[in-house]
C-alpha atoms as a PDB file:
ATOM      1  CA  MET A   1       0.145   0.004   0.100  1.00  0.00           C
ATOM      2  CA  GLN A   2       1.095   3.504  -0.478  1.00  0.00           C
ATOM      3  CA  TYR A   3       3.040   5.617   2.108  1.00  0.00           C
ATOM      4  CA  THR A   4       0.885   7.764   4.283  1.00  0.00           C
ATOM      5  CA  VAL A   5       1.031  10.189   7.123  1.00  0.00           C
ATOM      6  CA  PHE A   6       0.526   7.341   9.533  1.00  0.00           C
ATOM      7  CA  ASP A   7       3.930   6.144   8.215  1.00  0.00           C
ATOM      8  CA  THR A   8       5.754   9.418   8.934  1.00  0.00           C
ATOM      9  CA  PRO A   9       7.042   8.793  12.582  1.00  0.00           C
ATOM     10  CA  VAL A  10       7.450  12.480  13.656  1.00  0.00           C
ATOM     11  CA  LEU A  11       4.312  13.915  11.889  1.00  0.00           C
ATOM     12  CA  LYS A  12       2.369  10.818  13.150  1.00  0.00           C
ATOM     13  CA  SER A  13       2.799  12.017  16.552  1.00  0.00           C
ATOM     14  CA  VAL A  14       1.994  15.706  15.684  1.00  0.00           C
ATOM     15  CA  PHE A  15      -1.008  14.932  13.919  1.00  0.00           C
ATOM     16  CA  ARG A  16      -2.187  12.792  16.907  1.00  0.00           C
ATOM     17  CA  LEU A  17      -1.642  15.921  19.252  1.00  0.00           C
ATOM     18  CA  VAL A  18      -3.273  18.471  16.737  1.00  0.00           C
ATOM     19  CA  SER A  19      -6.360  15.900  16.295  1.00  0.00           C
ATOM     20  CA  GLY A  20      -6.861  15.654  19.849  1.00  0.00           C
ATOM     21  CA  ALA A  21      -6.898  19.452  20.323  1.00  0.00           C
ATOM     22  CA  PHE A  22      -9.089  19.784  17.339  1.00  0.00           C
ATOM     23  CA  LEU A  23     -11.805  17.487  18.617  1.00  0.00           C
ATOM     24  CA  LYS A  24     -11.542  18.946  21.999  1.00  0.00           C
ATOM     25  CA  ALA A  25     -11.916  22.534  20.654  1.00  0.00           C
ATOM     26  CA  CYS A  26     -14.921  21.284  18.519  1.00  0.00           C
ATOM     27  CA  GLY A  27     -16.530  19.459  21.483  1.00  0.00           C
ATOM     28  CA  TRP A  28     -16.116  15.967  20.430  1.00  0.00           C
ATOM     29  CA  ARG A  29     -15.249  12.889  22.714  1.00  0.00           C
ATOM     30  CA  VAL A  30     -13.621   9.555  21.602  1.00  0.00           C
ATOM     31  CA  GLU A  31     -15.098   6.323  22.425  1.00  0.00           C
ATOM     32  CA  GLY A  32     -13.832   2.941  21.771  1.00  0.00           C
ATOM     33  CA  ARG A  33     -10.330   1.500  21.022  1.00  0.00           C
ATOM     34  CA  ALA A  34      -8.204   0.306  18.148  1.00  0.00           C
ATOM     35  CA  PRO A  35      -9.527  -2.863  16.742  1.00  0.00           C
ATOM     36  CA  ASP A  36      -7.851  -6.149  18.087  1.00  0.00           C
ATOM     37  CA  ALA A  37      -7.572  -7.923  14.706  1.00  0.00           C
ATOM     38  CA  PRO A  38      -4.829  -6.968  12.516  1.00  0.00           C
ATOM     39  CA  LYS A  39      -6.977  -6.583   9.180  1.00  0.00           C
ATOM     40  CA  ASN A  40     -10.555  -5.044   9.417  1.00  0.00           C
ATOM     41  CA  VAL A  41     -12.968  -3.568   7.081  1.00  0.00           C
ATOM     42  CA  VAL A  42     -14.208  -0.338   9.011  1.00  0.00           C
ATOM     43  CA  ILE A  43     -17.665   1.181   8.335  1.00  0.00           C
ATOM     44  CA  ALA A  44     -17.411   4.802   8.294  1.00  0.00           C
ATOM     45  CA  ALA A  45     -21.159   5.849   9.287  1.00  0.00           C
ATOM     46  CA  PHE A  46     -22.939   7.985   8.739  1.00  0.00           C
ATOM     47  CA  HIS A  47     -21.739  10.123   5.953  1.00  0.00           C
ATOM     48  CA  THR A  48     -23.702  12.971   5.482  1.00  0.00           C
ATOM     49  CA  SER A  49     -21.260  16.082   5.644  1.00  0.00           C
ATOM     50  CA  ASN A  50     -17.916  17.323   4.644  1.00  0.00           C
ATOM     51  CA  TRP A  51     -16.984  17.526   8.344  1.00  0.00           C
ATOM     52  CA  ASP A  52     -17.300  13.802   8.577  1.00  0.00           C
ATOM     53  CA  PHE A  53     -13.808  13.429   7.132  1.00  0.00           C
ATOM     54  CA  PRO A  54     -11.742  15.658   9.127  1.00  0.00           C
ATOM     55  CA  ILE A  55     -13.307  14.556  12.138  1.00  0.00           C
ATOM     56  CA  GLY A  56     -13.190  10.656  11.299  1.00  0.00           C
ATOM     57  CA  LEU A  57      -9.460  11.024  10.401  1.00  0.00           C
ATOM     58  CA  SER A  58      -8.791  12.952  13.817  1.00  0.00           C
ATOM     59  CA  ILE A  59     -10.401  10.096  15.692  1.00  0.00           C
ATOM     60  CA  ALA A  60      -8.214   7.648  13.837  1.00  0.00           C
ATOM     61  CA  PHE A  61      -5.272   9.641  14.853  1.00  0.00           C
ATOM     62  CA  VAL A  62      -6.302   9.595  18.519  1.00  0.00           C
ATOM     63  CA  LEU A  63      -7.027   5.983  18.698  1.00  0.00           C
ATOM     64  CA  GLY A  64      -3.661   5.151  16.799  1.00  0.00           C
ATOM     65  CA  VAL A  65      -5.457   3.466  14.062  1.00  0.00           C
ATOM     66  CA  LYS A  66      -3.654   3.392  10.703  1.00  0.00           C
ATOM     67  CA  VAL A  67      -6.410   3.658   8.168  1.00  0.00           C
ATOM     68  CA  TYR A  68      -6.996   3.664   4.583  1.00  0.00           C
ATOM     69  CA  TRP A  69     -10.103   4.914   2.917  1.00  0.00           C
ATOM     70  CA  ILE A  70     -12.079   4.519  -0.424  1.00  0.00           C
ATOM     71  CA  GLY A  71     -13.303   7.706  -2.005  1.00  0.00           C
ATOM     72  CA  LYS A  72     -14.300   8.738  -5.353  1.00  0.00           C
ATOM     73  CA  ASP A  73     -11.704   9.543  -7.834  1.00  0.00           C
ATOM     74  CA  SER A  74     -12.705  13.169  -8.375  1.00  0.00           C
ATOM     75  CA  LEU A  75     -11.279  13.866  -4.821  1.00  0.00           C
ATOM     76  CA  PHE A  76      -7.910  12.874  -6.197  1.00  0.00           C
ATOM     77  CA  ARG A  77      -7.813  15.337  -9.100  1.00  0.00           C
ATOM     78  CA  PRO A  78      -4.849  17.867  -8.964  1.00  0.00           C
ATOM     79  CA  PRO A  79      -3.922  19.606  -7.169  1.00  0.00           C
ATOM     80  CA  PHE A  80      -5.125  17.664  -4.065  1.00  0.00           C
ATOM     81  CA  GLY A  81      -4.492  14.137  -5.309  1.00  0.00           C
ATOM     82  CA  PRO A  82      -1.064  13.621  -3.446  1.00  0.00           C
ATOM     83  CA  LEU A  83      -2.429  15.217  -0.441  1.00  0.00           C
ATOM     84  CA  MET A  84      -5.574  12.863  -0.421  1.00  0.00           C
ATOM     85  CA  ARG A  85      -3.316   9.687  -0.966  1.00  0.00           C
ATOM     86  CA  TRP A  86      -0.988  10.931   1.740  1.00  0.00           C
ATOM     87  CA  LEU A  87      -4.007  10.918   4.064  1.00  0.00           C
ATOM     88  CA  GLY A  88      -4.781   7.335   3.184  1.00  0.00           C
ATOM     89  CA  GLY A  89      -7.231   7.791   0.392  1.00  0.00           C
ATOM     90  CA  ILE A  90      -7.497   5.259  -2.266  1.00  0.00           C
ATOM     91  CA  PRO A  91      -9.212   6.544  -5.600  1.00  0.00           C
ATOM     92  CA  VAL A  92     -12.230   4.539  -6.887  1.00  0.00           C
ATOM     93  CA  ASN A  93     -13.811   5.240 -10.287  1.00  0.00           C
ATOM     94  CA  ARG A  94     -17.582   4.502  -9.641  1.00  0.00           C
ATOM     95  CA  ARG A  95     -18.333   4.428 -13.312  1.00  0.00           C
ATOM     96  CA  GLU A  96     -15.953   1.378 -13.431  1.00  0.00           C
ATOM     97  CA  SER A  97     -16.139   0.064  -9.767  1.00  0.00           C
ATOM     98  CA  HIS A  98     -17.609  -3.425 -10.750  1.00  0.00           C
ATOM     99  CA  ASP A  99     -14.111  -5.090  -9.829  1.00  0.00           C
ATOM    100  CA  THR A 100     -13.575  -3.084  -6.541  1.00  0.00           C
ATOM    101  CA  VAL A 101     -14.669  -5.694  -4.078  1.00  0.00           C
ATOM    102  CA  SER A 102     -12.319  -8.616  -5.713  1.00  0.00           C
ATOM    103  CA  ARG A 103      -9.385  -5.955  -6.086  1.00  0.00           C
ATOM    104  CA  THR A 104      -9.838  -4.905  -2.481  1.00  0.00           C
ATOM    105  CA  ILE A 105     -10.103  -8.502  -1.318  1.00  0.00           C
ATOM    106  CA  ARG A 106      -6.639  -9.336  -3.045  1.00  0.00           C
ATOM    107  CA  VAL A 107      -5.151  -6.242  -1.352  1.00  0.00           C
ATOM    108  CA  PHE A 108      -6.230  -7.553   2.115  1.00  0.00           C
ATOM    109  CA  LEU A 109      -4.767 -11.063   1.162  1.00  0.00           C
ATOM    110  CA  GLU A 110      -1.355  -9.344   0.288  1.00  0.00           C
ATOM    111  CA  HIS A 111      -1.096  -7.579   3.643  1.00  0.00           C
ATOM    112  CA  GLU A 112      -0.425  -8.811   7.285  1.00  0.00           C
ATOM    113  CA  ARG A 113      -2.011  -5.596   8.798  1.00  0.00           C
ATOM    114  CA  LEU A 114      -4.588  -3.469   6.993  1.00  0.00           C
ATOM    115  CA  ASN A 115      -7.700  -1.217   7.854  1.00  0.00           C
ATOM    116  CA  ILE A 116      -9.940   0.143   5.190  1.00  0.00           C
ATOM    117  CA  ALA A 117     -12.674   2.539   5.944  1.00  0.00           C
ATOM    118  CA  ILE A 118     -15.763   2.400   3.622  1.00  0.00           C
ATOM    119  CA  THR A 119     -18.879   4.553   3.736  1.00  0.00           C
ATOM    120  CA  PRO A 120     -21.751   2.041   2.731  1.00  0.00           C
ATOM    121  CA  GLU A 121     -23.995   4.998   1.534  1.00  0.00           C
ATOM    122  CA  GLY A 122     -21.636   5.843  -1.117  1.00  0.00           C
ATOM    123  CA  THR A 123     -22.690   9.542  -1.158  1.00  0.00           C
ATOM    124  CA  ARG A 124     -23.495  12.404   1.267  1.00  0.00           C
ATOM    125  CA  GLY A 125     -26.982  12.573  -0.345  1.00  0.00           C
ATOM    126  CA  LYS A 126     -30.071  10.477   0.906  1.00  0.00           C
ATOM    127  CA  THR A 127     -29.933   6.882  -0.223  1.00  0.00           C
ATOM    128  CA  PRO A 128     -32.651   4.292   0.519  1.00  0.00           C
ATOM    129  CA  TYR A 129     -30.139   1.566   1.011  1.00  0.00           C
ATOM    130  CA  TRP A 130     -26.453   0.788   1.844  1.00  0.00           C
ATOM    131  CA  LYS A 131     -24.092  -0.584  -0.762  1.00  0.00           C
ATOM    132  CA  THR A 132     -22.912  -4.090   0.239  1.00  0.00           C
ATOM    133  CA  GLY A 133     -19.549  -3.948  -1.161  1.00  0.00           C
ATOM    134  CA  PHE A 134     -17.921  -3.556   2.249  1.00  0.00           C
ATOM    135  CA  TYR A 135     -19.740  -6.623   3.487  1.00  0.00           C
ATOM    136  CA  HIS A 136     -18.680  -8.765   0.507  1.00  0.00           C
ATOM    137  CA  ILE A 137     -15.136  -7.515   0.785  1.00  0.00           C
ATOM    138  CA  ALA A 138     -14.852  -8.402   4.482  1.00  0.00           C
ATOM    139  CA  TYR A 139     -16.494 -11.838   4.009  1.00  0.00           C
ATOM    140  CA  GLY A 140     -14.213 -12.584   0.899  1.00  0.00           C
ATOM    141  CA  ALA A 141     -11.067 -11.502   2.787  1.00  0.00           C
ATOM    142  CA  ARG A 142     -12.322 -13.303   5.923  1.00  0.00           C
ATOM    143  CA  VAL A 143     -11.830 -10.127   7.897  1.00  0.00           C
ATOM    144  CA  PRO A 144     -14.040  -8.441  10.583  1.00  0.00           C
ATOM    145  CA  ILE A 145     -16.232  -5.370  10.094  1.00  0.00           C
ATOM    146  CA  VAL A 146     -15.397  -3.017  12.515  1.00  0.00           C
ATOM    147  CA  LEU A 147     -18.600  -0.387  13.420  1.00  0.00           C
ATOM    148  CA  GLY A 148     -17.003   3.223  13.321  1.00  0.00           C
ATOM    149  CA  PHE A 149     -19.340   5.961  13.913  1.00  0.00           C
ATOM    150  CA  LEU A 150     -20.068   9.650  14.375  1.00  0.00           C
ATOM    151  CA  ASP A 151     -22.973  10.511  16.585  1.00  0.00           C
ATOM    152  CA  TYR A 152     -23.560  14.196  16.175  1.00  0.00           C
ATOM    153  CA  ARG A 153     -26.301  14.219  18.949  1.00  0.00           C
ATOM    154  CA  ARG A 154     -23.581  13.345  21.580  1.00  0.00           C
ATOM    155  CA  LYS A 155     -20.809  14.697  19.772  1.00  0.00           C
ATOM    156  CA  VAL A 156     -18.899  11.335  20.197  1.00  0.00           C
ATOM    157  CA  GLY A 157     -17.203   9.242  17.714  1.00  0.00           C
ATOM    158  CA  GLY A 158     -15.127   6.214  17.633  1.00  0.00           C
ATOM    159  CA  VAL A 159     -15.213   2.606  17.371  1.00  0.00           C
ATOM    160  CA  GLY A 160     -18.325   0.403  18.057  1.00  0.00           C
ATOM    161  CA  PRO A 161     -18.705  -3.452  18.315  1.00  0.00           C
ATOM    162  CA  THR A 162     -17.132  -5.932  15.583  1.00  0.00           C
ATOM    163  CA  VAL A 163     -19.342  -8.190  13.387  1.00  0.00           C
ATOM    164  CA  VAL A 164     -17.527 -11.125  11.867  1.00  0.00           C
ATOM    165  CA  PRO A 165     -19.565 -11.742   8.629  1.00  0.00           C
ATOM    166  CA  THR A 166     -21.099 -15.395   8.558  1.00  0.00           C
ATOM    167  CA  GLY A 167     -22.492 -15.057   4.939  1.00  0.00           C
ATOM    168  CA  ASP A 168     -25.924 -14.623   5.949  1.00  0.00           C
ATOM    169  CA  ILE A 169     -25.944 -11.045   4.981  1.00  0.00           C
ATOM    170  CA  GLU A 170     -29.599 -10.247   6.367  1.00  0.00           C
ATOM    171  CA  ALA A 171     -28.519 -11.657   9.847  1.00  0.00           C
ATOM    172  CA  ASP A 172     -25.411  -9.705   9.916  1.00  0.00           C
ATOM    173  CA  MET A 173     -27.084  -6.500   8.550  1.00  0.00           C
ATOM    174  CA  GLU A 174     -29.650  -6.649  11.437  1.00  0.00           C
ATOM    175  CA  LYS A 175     -26.740  -6.594  14.017  1.00  0.00           C
ATOM    176  CA  ILE A 176     -25.298  -3.665  12.155  1.00  0.00           C
ATOM    177  CA  ARG A 177     -28.782  -1.991  11.954  1.00  0.00           C
ATOM    178  CA  SER A 178     -29.278  -2.336  15.476  1.00  0.00           C
ATOM    179  CA  PHE A 179     -26.183  -0.641  16.432  1.00  0.00           C
ATOM    180  CA  TYR A 180     -26.625   2.603  14.239  1.00  0.00           C
ATOM    181  CA  ALA A 181     -30.069   3.118  15.210  1.00  0.00           C
ATOM    182  CA  GLY A 182     -28.820   5.111  18.118  1.00  0.00           C
ATOM    183  CA  VAL A 183     -26.356   6.967  16.018  1.00  0.00           C
ATOM    184  CA  LEU A 184     -27.364  10.556  14.903  1.00  0.00           C
ATOM    185  CA  ALA A 185     -25.911  11.963  11.469  1.00  0.00           C
ATOM    186  CA  ARG A 186     -25.045  15.601  11.213  1.00  0.00           C
ATOM    187  CA  TYR A 187     -27.947  15.849   8.581  1.00  0.00           C
ATOM    188  CA  PRO A 188     -30.292  12.991   9.670  1.00  0.00           C
ATOM    189  CA  ALA A 189     -32.630  13.627   6.723  1.00  0.00           C
ATOM    190  CA  ASN A 190     -29.768  12.191   4.513  1.00  0.00           C
ATOM    191  CA  ALA A 191     -29.023   9.356   6.438  1.00  0.00           C
ATOM    192  CA  GLY A 192     -31.002   6.221   6.335  1.00  0.00           C
ATOM    193  CA  LEU A 193     -30.757   3.093   8.591  1.00  0.00           C
ATOM    194  CA  PRO A 194     -28.561   0.241   7.053  1.00  0.00           C
ATOM    195  CA  ALA A 195     -30.829  -1.446   4.666  1.00  0.00           C
ATOM    196  CA  LEU A 196     -30.627  -3.989   1.760  1.00  0.00           C
ATOM    197  CA  LYS A 197     -31.629  -3.117  -1.875  1.00  0.00           C
ATOM    198  CA  ASN A 198     -35.097  -4.679  -2.456  1.00  0.00           C
ATOM    199  CA  ARG A 199     -35.804  -5.503   1.275  1.00  0.00           C
END
């Protein structure tokens, strides 16, 4: 995987301090701890605001979690592309994303330690259901799903429970849905509870 700020010894420490100060100044608290498993798919939910990114990344620094994140390719256009990659971004062309699941599974299999954050909604706008790529990646790579969250009601973000995918996506999604039922997005009208298409 690409070299990121998490791999830069001095800056990594500086960013952790700055992130803690930033969250405190914004009135946010961090809950949970770094995942125990060496490889994880991390759900980043809910995603309804541009503020989710700096808050979420700051939480990762405070928890000491080296995380990569998948974003639409338009975020990586000049002049910000190198910065986004340095911050852990992995560009995905949504118009040609049919192979994203299998490619991401291969990346997991090639690394001993890896956390990849995914926003299942795929957009900041209202969506009636979650995309299930995150689930199929975790199941195919045999890695846990970590329930990352930003609760704007309590101004608390962090790491919740871990779900080990069984292959029964409906049963596993019910566990995920139960957890996020208590989480409030910045713009609640744009965040639906985890649901499968045509369910």
